[in-house]
PDB file of all heavy atoms in Angstrom:
ATOM      1  N   ALA A   1       0.831  -1.207   0.000  1.00  0.00           N
ATOM      2  CA  ALA A   1       0.001   0.001   0.001  1.00  0.00           C
ATOM      3  C   ALA A   1       0.862   1.255   0.000  1.00  0.00           C
ATOM      4  O   ALA A   1       0.537   2.254  -0.665  1.00  0.00           O
ATOM      5  CB  ALA A   1      -0.933  -0.009   1.208  1.00  0.00           C
ATOM      6  N   MET A   2       1.986   1.231   0.729  1.00  0.00           N
ATOM      7  CA  MET A   2       2.872   2.395   0.748  1.00  0.00           C
ATOM      8  C   MET A   2       3.576   2.590  -0.586  1.00  0.00           C
ATOM      9  O   MET A   2       3.888   3.719  -0.966  1.00  0.00           O
ATOM     10  CB  MET A   2       3.884   2.265   1.881  1.00  0.00           C
ATOM     11  CG  MET A   2       3.286   2.426   3.260  1.00  0.00           C
ATOM     12  SD  MET A   2       4.528   2.649   4.547  1.00  0.00           S
ATOM     13  CE  MET A   2       5.332   1.054   4.539  1.00  0.00           C
ATOM     14  N   VAL A   3       3.821   1.502  -1.313  1.00  0.00           N
ATOM     15  CA  VAL A   3       4.442   1.620  -2.633  1.00  0.00           C
ATOM     16  C   VAL A   3       3.633   2.554  -3.527  1.00  0.00           C
ATOM     17  O   VAL A   3       4.181   3.351  -4.294  1.00  0.00           O
ATOM     18  CB  VAL A   3       4.583   0.225  -3.290  1.00  0.00           C
ATOM     19  CG1 VAL A   3       4.928   0.356  -4.778  1.00  0.00           C
ATOM     20  CG2 VAL A   3       5.646  -0.597  -2.580  1.00  0.00           C
ATOM     21  N   GLU A   4       2.322   2.475  -3.420  1.00  0.00           N
ATOM     22  CA  GLU A   4       1.466   3.280  -4.301  1.00  0.00           C
ATOM     23  C   GLU A   4       1.699   4.772  -4.103  1.00  0.00           C
ATOM     24  O   GLU A   4       1.601   5.550  -5.057  1.00  0.00           O
ATOM     25  CB  GLU A   4       0.000   2.938  -4.083  1.00  0.00           C
ATOM     26  CG  GLU A   4      -0.920   3.587  -5.087  1.00  0.00           C
ATOM     27  CD  GLU A   4      -2.274   2.926  -5.163  1.00  0.00           C
ATOM     28  OE1 GLU A   4      -2.645   2.214  -4.191  1.00  0.00           O
ATOM     29  OE2 GLU A   4      -2.967   3.106  -6.179  1.00  0.00           O
ATOM     30  N   CYS A   5       2.025   5.179  -2.876  1.00  0.00           N
ATOM     31  CA  CYS A   5       2.279   6.607  -2.617  1.00  0.00           C
ATOM     32  C   CYS A   5       3.476   7.091  -3.431  1.00  0.00           C
ATOM     33  O   CYS A   5       3.451   8.172  -4.027  1.00  0.00           O
ATOM     34  CB  CYS A   5       2.515   6.833  -1.128  1.00  0.00           C
ATOM     35  SG  CYS A   5       1.119   6.352  -0.082  1.00  0.00           S
ATOM     36  N   GLY A   6       4.534   6.300  -3.455  1.00  0.00           N
ATOM     37  CA  GLY A   6       5.709   6.668  -4.239  1.00  0.00           C
ATOM     38  C   GLY A   6       5.446   6.630  -5.724  1.00  0.00           C
ATOM     39  O   GLY A   6       5.914   7.490  -6.480  1.00  0.00           O
ATOM     40  N   LEU A   7       4.699   5.623  -6.178  1.00  0.00           N
ATOM     41  CA  LEU A   7       4.375   5.530  -7.600  1.00  0.00           C
ATOM     42  C   LEU A   7       3.571   6.741  -8.066  1.00  0.00           C
ATOM     43  O   LEU A   7       3.803   7.266  -9.168  1.00  0.00           O
ATOM     44  CB  LEU A   7       3.582   4.253  -7.883  1.00  0.00           C
ATOM     45  CG  LEU A   7       4.299   2.916  -7.733  1.00  0.00           C
ATOM     46  CD1 LEU A   7       3.357   1.776  -8.066  1.00  0.00           C
ATOM     47  CD2 LEU A   7       5.545   2.862  -8.613  1.00  0.00           C
ATOM     48  N   ASP A   8       2.645   7.195  -7.233  1.00  0.00           N
ATOM     49  CA  ASP A   8       1.819   8.334  -7.629  1.00  0.00           C
ATOM     50  C   ASP A   8       2.657   9.597  -7.806  1.00  0.00           C
ATOM     51  O   ASP A   8       2.417  10.387  -8.732  1.00  0.00           O
ATOM     52  CB  ASP A   8       0.721   8.569  -6.597  1.00  0.00           C
ATOM     53  CG  ASP A   8      -0.387   7.519  -6.660  1.00  0.00           C
ATOM     54  OD1 ASP A   8      -0.471   6.812  -7.682  1.00  0.00           O
ATOM     55  OD2 ASP A   8      -1.154   7.403  -5.689  1.00  0.00           O
ATOM     56  N   VAL A   9       3.652   9.791  -6.946  1.00  0.00           N
ATOM     57  CA  VAL A   9       4.537  10.948  -7.110  1.00  0.00           C
ATOM     58  C   VAL A   9       5.339  10.810  -8.391  1.00  0.00           C
ATOM     59  O   VAL A   9       5.460  11.762  -9.179  1.00  0.00           O
ATOM     60  CB  VAL A   9       5.470  11.103  -5.894  1.00  0.00           C
ATOM     61  CG1 VAL A   9       6.478  12.222  -6.143  1.00  0.00           C
ATOM     62  CG2 VAL A   9       4.676  11.379  -4.627  1.00  0.00           C
ATOM     63  N   ALA A  10       5.900   9.625  -8.621  1.00  0.00           N
ATOM     64  CA  ALA A  10       6.709   9.410  -9.823  1.00  0.00           C
ATOM     65  C   ALA A  10       5.893   9.622 -11.086  1.00  0.00           C
ATOM     66  O   ALA A  10       6.398  10.162 -12.089  1.00  0.00           O
ATOM     67  CB  ALA A  10       7.304   8.003  -9.804  1.00  0.00           C
ATOM     68  N   LEU A  11       4.624   9.222 -11.079  1.00  0.00           N
ATOM     69  CA  LEU A  11       3.785   9.382 -12.259  1.00  0.00           C
ATOM     70  C   LEU A  11       3.418  10.836 -12.524  1.00  0.00           C
ATOM     71  O   LEU A  11       3.143  11.213 -13.661  1.00  0.00           O
ATOM     72  CB  LEU A  11       2.517   8.539 -12.107  1.00  0.00           C
ATOM     73  CG  LEU A  11       2.714   7.034 -12.294  1.00  0.00           C
ATOM     74  CD1 LEU A  11       1.499   6.262 -11.807  1.00  0.00           C
ATOM     75  CD2 LEU A  11       3.009   6.705 -13.756  1.00  0.00           C
ATOM     76  N   GLU A  12       3.429  11.649 -11.483  1.00  0.00           N
ATOM     77  CA  GLU A  12       3.135  13.071 -11.670  1.00  0.00           C
ATOM     78  C   GLU A  12       4.312  13.833 -12.285  1.00  0.00           C
ATOM     79  O   GLU A  12       4.119  14.858 -12.934  1.00  0.00           O
ATOM     80  CB  GLU A  12       2.774  13.712 -10.333  1.00  0.00           C
ATOM     81  CG  GLU A  12       1.403  13.363  -9.814  1.00  0.00           C
ATOM     82  CD  GLU A  12       1.094  14.104  -8.532  1.00  0.00           C
ATOM     83  OE1 GLU A  12       1.490  15.287  -8.418  1.00  0.00           O
ATOM     84  OE2 GLU A  12       0.488  13.496  -7.626  1.00  0.00           O
ATOM     85  N   ALA A  13       5.516  13.360 -12.046  1.00  0.00           N
ATOM     86  CA  ALA A  13       6.706  14.068 -12.512  1.00  0.00           C
ATOM     87  C   ALA A  13       6.984  13.727 -13.975  1.00  0.00           C
ATOM     88  O   ALA A  13       6.916  12.556 -14.370  1.00  0.00           O
ATOM     89  CB  ALA A  13       7.902  13.699 -11.641  1.00  0.00           C
ATOM     90  N   ASP A  14       7.310  14.719 -14.754  1.00  0.00           N
ATOM     91  CA  ASP A  14       7.689  14.526 -16.156  1.00  0.00           C
ATOM     92  C   ASP A  14       9.085  13.899 -16.179  1.00  0.00           C
ATOM     93  O   ASP A  14      10.060  14.531 -15.779  1.00  0.00           O
ATOM     94  CB  ASP A  14       7.697  15.884 -16.870  1.00  0.00           C
ATOM     95  CG  ASP A  14       8.006  15.778 -18.355  1.00  0.00           C
ATOM     96  OD1 ASP A  14       8.749  14.860 -18.756  1.00  0.00           O
ATOM     97  OD2 ASP A  14       7.540  16.643 -19.118  1.00  0.00           O
ATOM     98  N   ILE A  15       9.190  12.662 -16.654  1.00  0.00           N
ATOM     99  CA  ILE A  15      10.475  11.952 -16.589  1.00  0.00           C
ATOM    100  C   ILE A  15      11.545  12.642 -17.424  1.00  0.00           C
ATOM    101  O   ILE A  15      12.739  12.573 -17.102  1.00  0.00           O
ATOM    102  CB  ILE A  15      10.311  10.472 -17.009  1.00  0.00           C
ATOM    103  CG1 ILE A  15      11.597   9.672 -16.717  1.00  0.00           C
ATOM    104  CG2 ILE A  15       9.919  10.371 -18.460  1.00  0.00           C
ATOM    105  CD1 ILE A  15      12.018   9.623 -15.280  1.00  0.00           C
ATOM    106  N   GLU A  16      11.152  13.355 -18.459  1.00  0.00           N
ATOM    107  CA  GLU A  16      12.159  14.070 -19.266  1.00  0.00           C
ATOM    108  C   GLU A  16      12.740  15.236 -18.463  1.00  0.00           C
ATOM    109  O   GLU A  16      13.948  15.510 -18.543  1.00  0.00           O
ATOM    110  CB  GLU A  16      11.543  14.560 -20.577  1.00  0.00           C
ATOM    111  CG  GLU A  16      11.067  13.445 -21.496  1.00  0.00           C
ATOM    112  CD  GLU A  16      12.186  12.499 -21.924  1.00  0.00           C
ATOM    113  OE1 GLU A  16      13.361  12.925 -21.949  1.00  0.00           O
ATOM    114  OE2 GLU A  16      11.882  11.333 -22.253  1.00  0.00           O
ATOM    115  N   LEU A  17      11.896  15.931 -17.689  1.00  0.00           N
ATOM    116  CA  LEU A  17      12.411  16.977 -16.808  1.00  0.00           C
ATOM    117  C   LEU A  17      13.271  16.382 -15.699  1.00  0.00           C
ATOM    118  O   LEU A  17      14.298  16.948 -15.323  1.00  0.00           O
ATOM    119  CB  LEU A  17      11.260  17.775 -16.210  1.00  0.00           C
ATOM    120  CG  LEU A  17      10.470  18.691 -17.142  1.00  0.00           C
ATOM    121  CD1 LEU A  17       9.327  19.363 -16.384  1.00  0.00           C
ATOM    122  CD2 LEU A  17      11.390  19.751 -17.757  1.00  0.00           C
ATOM    123  N   VAL A  18      12.843  15.252 -15.165  1.00  0.00           N
ATOM    124  CA  VAL A  18      13.634  14.571 -14.129  1.00  0.00           C
ATOM    125  C   VAL A  18      15.006  14.217 -14.668  1.00  0.00           C
ATOM    126  O   VAL A  18      16.034  14.454 -14.013  1.00  0.00           O
ATOM    127  CB  VAL A  18      12.889  13.305 -13.644  1.00  0.00           C
ATOM    128  CG1 VAL A  18      13.802  12.446 -12.771  1.00  0.00           C
ATOM    129  CG2 VAL A  18      11.629  13.679 -12.881  1.00  0.00           C
ATOM    130  N   ARG A  19      15.036  13.661 -15.858  1.00  0.00           N
ATOM    131  CA  ARG A  19      16.316  13.270 -16.451  1.00  0.00           C
ATOM    132  C   ARG A  19      17.195  14.485 -16.724  1.00  0.00           C
ATOM    133  O   ARG A  19      18.405  14.469 -16.437  1.00  0.00           O
ATOM    134  CB  ARG A  19      16.063  12.500 -17.754  1.00  0.00           C
ATOM    135  CG  ARG A  19      17.310  12.107 -18.520  1.00  0.00           C
ATOM    136  CD  ARG A  19      18.210  11.216 -17.721  1.00  0.00           C
ATOM    137  NE  ARG A  19      19.292  10.660 -18.549  1.00  0.00           N
ATOM    138  CZ  ARG A  19      20.395  10.108 -18.062  1.00  0.00           C
ATOM    139  NH1 ARG A  19      20.595  10.032 -16.745  1.00  0.00           N
ATOM    140  NH2 ARG A  19      21.315   9.621 -18.874  1.00  0.00           N
ATOM    141  N   ALA A  20      16.617  15.547 -17.260  1.00  0.00           N
ATOM    142  CA  ALA A  20      17.401  16.743 -17.564  1.00  0.00           C
ATOM    143  C   ALA A  20      18.007  17.344 -16.292  1.00  0.00           C
ATOM    144  O   ALA A  20      19.187  17.723 -16.261  1.00  0.00           O
ATOM    145  CB  ALA A  20      16.532  17.773 -18.276  1.00  0.00           C
ATOM    146  N   LYS A  21      17.219  17.407 -15.221  1.00  0.00           N
ATOM    147  CA  LYS A  21      17.742  17.967 -13.980  1.00  0.00           C
ATOM    148  C   LYS A  21      18.773  17.031 -13.351  1.00  0.00           C
ATOM    149  O   LYS A  21      19.784  17.496 -12.786  1.00  0.00           O
ATOM    150  CB  LYS A  21      16.610  18.248 -12.998  1.00  0.00           C
ATOM    151  CG  LYS A  21      17.102  18.940 -11.715  1.00  0.00           C
ATOM    152  CD  LYS A  21      15.978  19.242 -10.742  1.00  0.00           C
ATOM    153  CE  LYS A  21      16.520  19.803  -9.443  1.00  0.00           C
ATOM    154  NZ  LYS A  21      15.457  20.033  -8.439  1.00  0.00           N
ATOM    155  N   SER A  22      18.540  15.735 -13.441  1.00  0.00           N
ATOM    156  CA  SER A  22      19.514  14.773 -12.931  1.00  0.00           C
ATOM    157  C   SER A  22      20.875  14.972 -13.582  1.00  0.00           C
ATOM    158  O   SER A  22      21.915  14.997 -12.902  1.00  0.00           O
ATOM    159  CB  SER A  22      19.016  13.348 -13.186  1.00  0.00           C
ATOM    160  OG  SER A  22      20.051  12.408 -13.016  1.00  0.00           O
ATOM    161  N   LEU A  23      20.877  15.109 -14.878  1.00  0.00           N
ATOM    162  CA  LEU A  23      22.146  15.327 -15.594  1.00  0.00           C
ATOM    163  C   LEU A  23      22.777  16.651 -15.196  1.00  0.00           C
ATOM    164  O   LEU A  23      24.002  16.741 -15.020  1.00  0.00           O
ATOM    165  CB  LEU A  23      21.902  15.278 -17.101  1.00  0.00           C
ATOM    166  CG  LEU A  23      21.497  13.916 -17.668  1.00  0.00           C
ATOM    167  CD1 LEU A  23      21.054  14.050 -19.112  1.00  0.00           C
ATOM    168  CD2 LEU A  23      22.640  12.909 -17.541  1.00  0.00           C
ATOM    169  N   ALA A  24      21.952  17.685 -15.036  1.00  0.00           N
ATOM    170  CA  ALA A  24      22.481  18.987 -14.646  1.00  0.00           C
ATOM    171  C   ALA A  24      23.064  18.951 -13.237  1.00  0.00           C
ATOM    172  O   ALA A  24      24.139  19.515 -12.978  1.00  0.00           O
ATOM    173  CB  ALA A  24      21.379  20.043 -14.738  1.00  0.00           C
ATOM    174  N   LEU A  25      22.382  18.297 -12.315  1.00  0.00           N
ATOM    175  CA  LEU A  25      22.903  18.168 -10.954  1.00  0.00           C
ATOM    176  C   LEU A  25      24.226  17.412 -10.943  1.00  0.00           C
ATOM    177  O   LEU A  25      25.172  17.788 -10.228  1.00  0.00           O
ATOM    178  CB  LEU A  25      21.890  17.445 -10.064  1.00  0.00           C
ATOM    179  CG  LEU A  25      20.603  18.190  -9.710  1.00  0.00           C
ATOM    180  CD1 LEU A  25      19.629  17.243  -9.009  1.00  0.00           C
ATOM    181  CD2 LEU A  25      20.884  19.400  -8.825  1.00  0.00           C
ATOM    182  N   ALA A  26      24.298  16.350 -11.733  1.00  0.00           N
ATOM    183  CA  ALA A  26      25.526  15.554 -11.775  1.00  0.00           C
ATOM    184  C   ALA A  26      26.678  16.344 -12.403  1.00  0.00           C
ATOM    185  O   ALA A  26      27.812  16.296 -11.908  1.00  0.00           O
ATOM    186  CB  ALA A  26      25.287  14.264 -12.542  1.00  0.00           C
ATOM    187  N   ASP A  27      26.388  17.046 -13.487  1.00  0.00           N
ATOM    188  CA  ASP A  27      27.429  17.882 -14.104  1.00  0.00           C
ATOM    189  C   ASP A  27      27.959  18.904 -13.102  1.00  0.00           C
ATOM    190  O   ASP A  27      29.178  19.144 -13.009  1.00  0.00           O
ATOM    191  CB  ASP A  27      26.880  18.603 -15.330  1.00  0.00           C
ATOM    192  CG  ASP A  27      26.677  17.689 -16.521  1.00  0.00           C
ATOM    193  OD1 ASP A  27      27.220  16.567 -16.510  1.00  0.00           O
ATOM    194  OD2 ASP A  27      25.968  18.099 -17.465  1.00  0.00           O
ATOM    195  N   LEU A  28      27.046  19.526 -12.367  1.00  0.00           N
ATOM    196  CA  LEU A  28      27.432  20.514 -11.371  1.00  0.00           C
ATOM    197  C   LEU A  28      28.265  19.864 -10.265  1.00  0.00           C
ATOM    198  O   LEU A  28      29.301  20.398  -9.856  1.00  0.00           O
ATOM    199  CB  LEU A  28      26.179  21.158 -10.776  1.00  0.00           C
ATOM    200  CG  LEU A  28      26.399  22.151  -9.637  1.00  0.00           C
ATOM    201  CD1 LEU A  28      27.161  23.382 -10.113  1.00  0.00           C
ATOM    202  CD2 LEU A  28      25.056  22.555  -9.016  1.00  0.00           C
ATOM    203  N   PHE A  29      27.814  18.729  -9.782  1.00  0.00           N
ATOM    204  CA  PHE A  29      28.524  18.037  -8.706  1.00  0.00           C
ATOM    205  C   PHE A  29      29.945  17.683  -9.136  1.00  0.00           C
ATOM    206  O   PHE A  29      30.914  17.918  -8.397  1.00  0.00           O
ATOM    207  CB  PHE A  29      27.744  16.779  -8.329  1.00  0.00           C
ATOM    208  CG  PHE A  29      28.234  16.091  -7.083  1.00  0.00           C
ATOM    209  CD1 PHE A  29      27.992  16.630  -5.834  1.00  0.00           C
ATOM    210  CD2 PHE A  29      28.926  14.894  -7.156  1.00  0.00           C
ATOM    211  CE1 PHE A  29      28.426  16.001  -4.682  1.00  0.00           C
ATOM    212  CE2 PHE A  29      29.372  14.248  -6.016  1.00  0.00           C
ATOM    213  CZ  PHE A  29      29.113  14.803  -4.775  1.00  0.00           C
ATOM    214  N   ILE A  30      30.085  17.117 -10.315  1.00  0.00           N
ATOM    215  CA  ILE A  30      31.409  16.731 -10.818  1.00  0.00           C
ATOM    216  C   ILE A  30      32.305  17.960 -10.958  1.00  0.00           C
ATOM    217  O   ILE A  30      33.471  17.955 -10.549  1.00  0.00           O
ATOM    218  CB  ILE A  30      31.272  15.994 -12.166  1.00  0.00           C
ATOM    219  CG1 ILE A  30      30.595  14.629 -11.948  1.00  0.00           C
ATOM    220  CG2 ILE A  30      32.636  15.813 -12.827  1.00  0.00           C
ATOM    221  CD1 ILE A  30      30.147  13.956 -13.228  1.00  0.00           C
ATOM    222  N   ALA A  31      31.749  19.040 -11.530  1.00  0.00           N
ATOM    223  CA  ALA A  31      32.538  20.254 -11.732  1.00  0.00           C
ATOM    224  C   ALA A  31      32.994  20.851 -10.402  1.00  0.00           C
ATOM    225  O   ALA A  31      34.155  21.278 -10.253  1.00  0.00           O
ATOM    226  CB  ALA A  31      31.741  21.272 -12.534  1.00  0.00           C
ATOM    227  N   LEU A  32      32.089  20.901  -9.422  1.00  0.00           N
ATOM    228  CA  LEU A  32      32.443  21.497  -8.131  1.00  0.00           C
ATOM    229  C   LEU A  32      33.448  20.642  -7.369  1.00  0.00           C
ATOM    230  O   LEU A  32      34.350  21.174  -6.710  1.00  0.00           O
ATOM    231  CB  LEU A  32      31.176  21.694  -7.293  1.00  0.00           C
ATOM    232  CG  LEU A  32      30.238  22.816  -7.740  1.00  0.00           C
ATOM    233  CD1 LEU A  32      28.966  22.815  -6.898  1.00  0.00           C
ATOM    234  CD2 LEU A  32      30.931  24.178  -7.668  1.00  0.00           C
ATOM    235  N   VAL A  33      33.306  19.320  -7.450  1.00  0.00           N
ATOM    236  CA  VAL A  33      34.291  18.451  -6.780  1.00  0.00           C
ATOM    237  C   VAL A  33      35.670  18.663  -7.387  1.00  0.00           C
ATOM    238  O   VAL A  33      36.671  18.752  -6.670  1.00  0.00           O
ATOM    239  CB  VAL A  33      33.853  16.977  -6.865  1.00  0.00           C
ATOM    240  CG1 VAL A  33      35.000  16.049  -6.443  1.00  0.00           C
ATOM    241  CG2 VAL A  33      32.636  16.728  -5.984  1.00  0.00           C
ATOM    242  N   ARG A  34      35.735  18.778  -8.693  1.00  0.00           N
ATOM    243  CA  ARG A  34      37.028  19.014  -9.328  1.00  0.00           C
ATOM    244  C   ARG A  34      37.602  20.380  -8.932  1.00  0.00           C
ATOM    245  O   ARG A  34      38.800  20.521  -8.676  1.00  0.00           O
ATOM    246  CB  ARG A  34      36.877  18.937 -10.846  1.00  0.00           C
ATOM    247  CG  ARG A  34      36.784  17.523 -11.356  1.00  0.00           C
ATOM    248  CD  ARG A  34      36.567  17.468 -12.837  1.00  0.00           C
ATOM    249  NE  ARG A  34      36.710  16.107 -13.331  1.00  0.00           N
ATOM    250  CZ  ARG A  34      36.152  15.660 -14.442  1.00  0.00           C
ATOM    251  NH1 ARG A  34      35.404  16.484 -15.189  1.00  0.00           N
ATOM    252  NH2 ARG A  34      36.324  14.404 -14.828  1.00  0.00           N
ATOM    253  N   GLU A  35      36.730  21.373  -8.885  1.00  0.00           N
ATOM    254  CA  GLU A  35      37.183  22.727  -8.581  1.00  0.00           C
ATOM    255  C   GLU A  35      37.542  22.891  -7.115  1.00  0.00           C
ATOM    256  O   GLU A  35      38.563  23.498  -6.778  1.00  0.00           O
ATOM    257  CB  GLU A  35      36.073  23.711  -8.959  1.00  0.00           C
ATOM    258  CG  GLU A  35      36.362  25.155  -8.596  1.00  0.00           C
ATOM    259  CD  GLU A  35      35.158  26.057  -8.838  1.00  0.00           C
ATOM    260  OE1 GLU A  35      34.337  25.737  -9.725  1.00  0.00           O
ATOM    261  OE2 GLU A  35      35.023  27.062  -8.119  1.00  0.00           O
ATOM    262  N   ARG A  36      36.713  22.339  -6.227  1.00  0.00           N
ATOM    263  CA  ARG A  36      36.865  22.603  -4.800  1.00  0.00           C
ATOM    264  C   ARG A  36      37.628  21.516  -4.045  1.00  0.00           C
ATOM    265  O   ARG A  36      38.145  21.766  -2.963  1.00  0.00           O
ATOM    266  CB  ARG A  36      35.474  22.756  -4.155  1.00  0.00           C
ATOM    267  CG  ARG A  36      34.540  23.712  -4.877  1.00  0.00           C
ATOM    268  CD  ARG A  36      34.983  25.143  -4.729  1.00  0.00           C
ATOM    269  NE  ARG A  36      34.759  25.617  -3.367  1.00  0.00           N
ATOM    270  CZ  ARG A  36      35.284  26.750  -2.893  1.00  0.00           C
ATOM    271  NH1 ARG A  36      36.075  27.487  -3.675  1.00  0.00           N
ATOM    272  NH2 ARG A  36      35.027  27.124  -1.656  1.00  0.00           N
ATOM    273  N   CYS A  37      37.683  20.302  -4.623  1.00  0.00           N
ATOM    274  CA  CYS A  37      38.288  19.169  -3.905  1.00  0.00           C
ATOM    275  C   CYS A  37      39.346  18.455  -4.744  1.00  0.00           C
ATOM    276  O   CYS A  37      39.721  17.317  -4.441  1.00  0.00           O
ATOM    277  CB  CYS A  37      37.214  18.153  -3.502  1.00  0.00           C
ATOM    278  SG  CYS A  37      35.812  18.846  -2.610  1.00  0.00           S
ATOM    279  N   GLY A  38      39.796  19.112  -5.787  1.00  0.00           N
ATOM    280  CA  GLY A  38      40.686  18.465  -6.737  1.00  0.00           C
ATOM    281  C   GLY A  38      41.998  17.975  -6.167  1.00  0.00           C
ATOM    282  O   GLY A  38      42.622  17.053  -6.706  1.00  0.00           O
ATOM    283  N   GLU A  39      42.462  18.559  -5.079  1.00  0.00           N
ATOM    284  CA  GLU A  39      43.771  18.195  -4.520  1.00  0.00           C
ATOM    285  C   GLU A  39      43.725  17.006  -3.569  1.00  0.00           C
ATOM    286  O   GLU A  39      44.758  16.602  -3.030  1.00  0.00           O
ATOM    287  CB  GLU A  39      44.346  19.400  -3.763  1.00  0.00           C
ATOM    288  CG  GLU A  39      43.503  19.833  -2.570  1.00  0.00           C
ATOM    289  CD  GLU A  39      43.963  21.144  -1.968  1.00  0.00           C
ATOM    290  OE1 GLU A  39      44.989  21.120  -1.248  1.00  0.00           O
ATOM    291  OE2 GLU A  39      43.297  22.171  -2.219  1.00  0.00           O
TER     292      GLU A  39
END
């Protein structure tokens, strides 16, 4: 029954927007780690 709560949220979100933001967050994370933690 609790699974359905998560599924309903996932179905409301546009997966293409989710994917685009996921890639942007990862690009940012990688860039900042290199810039701020490179040593």
